[in-house]
Amino acid sequence: MNEREFIKTLQERAKEQEKLITSMPLPGIFSSVSLWFGNHPLRIVIPLSLILTLVLRAIFGPSYDNVILAVFGKL
């Protein structure tokens, strides 16, 4: 495969992906959210981990520290 065929194949795939995105419901929201998460993944990971920690602490109570040490102590 030469360079011209490779570029043509890439352009065809890009057109197929564009058609797929535009056929989805709310394509503008999907593309903006996916670009935002792709550029800033820590904006969702850090709050999610904080919420998960608070939920687990509410479930396990004071023994939460021991549970975390038991889980990660085996690694």
Protein backbone atom coordinates (compact mmCIF):
# COMPACT_ATOMS: atom_id res chain seq x y z
CA MET A 1 0.00 0.00 0.00
CA ASN A 2 1.47 3.31 -1.00
CA GLU A 3 1.03 6.65 0.71
CA ARG A 4 -1.84 7.79 -1.51
CA GLU A 5 -3.91 4.67 -0.80
CA PHE A 6 -3.17 4.95 2.92
CA ILE A 7 -4.37 8.56 3.05
CA LYS A 8 -7.48 7.64 1.05
CA THR A 9 -8.25 4.83 3.50
CA LEU A 10 -7.83 7.19 6.46
CA GLN A 11 -10.16 9.73 4.88
CA GLU A 12 -12.79 7.05 4.27
CA ARG A 13 -12.60 5.93 7.90
CA ALA A 14 -12.87 9.51 9.11
CA LYS A 15 -16.01 9.98 6.98
CA GLU A 16 -17.51 6.78 8.43
CA GLN A 17 -16.82 7.95 11.98
CA GLU A 18 -18.31 11.36 11.22
CA LYS A 19 -21.47 9.68 9.89
CA LEU A 20 -21.65 7.55 13.03
CA ILE A 21 -21.34 10.56 15.31
CA THR A 22 -23.93 12.59 13.42
CA SER A 23 -26.38 9.67 13.45
CA MET A 24 -26.21 9.46 17.26
CA PRO A 25 -28.79 11.28 19.34
CA LEU A 26 -27.43 14.62 20.54
CA PRO A 27 -24.17 14.50 18.52
CA GLY A 28 -23.08 17.94 19.69
CA ILE A 29 -23.23 16.96 23.34
CA PHE A 30 -21.47 13.65 22.68
CA SER A 31 -18.59 15.22 20.79
CA SER A 32 -18.09 18.06 23.27
CA VAL A 33 -18.23 15.75 26.31
CA SER A 34 -15.88 13.19 24.77
CA LEU A 35 -13.39 15.89 23.81
CA TRP A 36 -13.63 17.42 27.29
CA PHE A 37 -13.05 14.06 29.02
CA GLY A 38 -10.26 13.22 26.59
CA ASN A 39 -8.40 16.42 27.40
CA HIS A 40 -9.16 16.52 31.14
CA PRO A 41 -9.71 12.98 32.49
CA LEU A 42 -8.74 13.97 36.04
CA ARG A 43 -11.75 16.28 36.23
CA ILE A 44 -13.96 13.20 36.48
CA VAL A 45 -11.57 10.73 38.14
CA ILE A 46 -10.79 12.84 41.20
CA PRO A 47 -14.41 13.77 42.13
CA LEU A 48 -15.52 10.20 41.44
CA SER A 49 -12.84 8.79 43.74
CA LEU A 50 -13.80 11.30 46.45
CA ILE A 51 -17.48 10.30 46.22
CA LEU A 52 -16.57 6.60 46.26
CA THR A 53 -14.39 7.13 49.33
CA LEU A 54 -17.20 8.94 51.16
CA VAL A 55 -19.70 6.20 50.29
CA LEU A 56 -17.36 3.42 51.43
CA ARG A 57 -16.55 5.29 54.64
CA ALA A 58 -20.30 5.62 55.31
CA ILE A 59 -20.78 1.89 54.72
CA PHE A 60 -17.80 0.55 56.69
CA GLY A 61 -17.60 3.29 59.31
CA PRO A 62 -14.43 3.50 61.41
CA SER A 63 -13.12 0.19 60.07
CA TYR A 64 -12.79 1.69 56.58
CA ASP A 65 -9.05 2.18 57.06
CA ASN A 66 -8.59 -1.48 57.95
CA VAL A 67 -10.57 -2.58 54.90
CA ILE A 68 -8.45 -0.41 52.58
CA LEU A 69 -5.23 -1.71 54.18
CA ALA A 70 -6.48 -5.29 53.80
CA VAL A 71 -7.29 -4.77 50.11
CA PHE A 72 -4.10 -2.97 49.15
CA GLY A 73 -1.89 -4.87 51.57
CA LYS A 74 -2.35 -8.01 49.43
CA LEU A 75 -1.09 -6.34 46.28
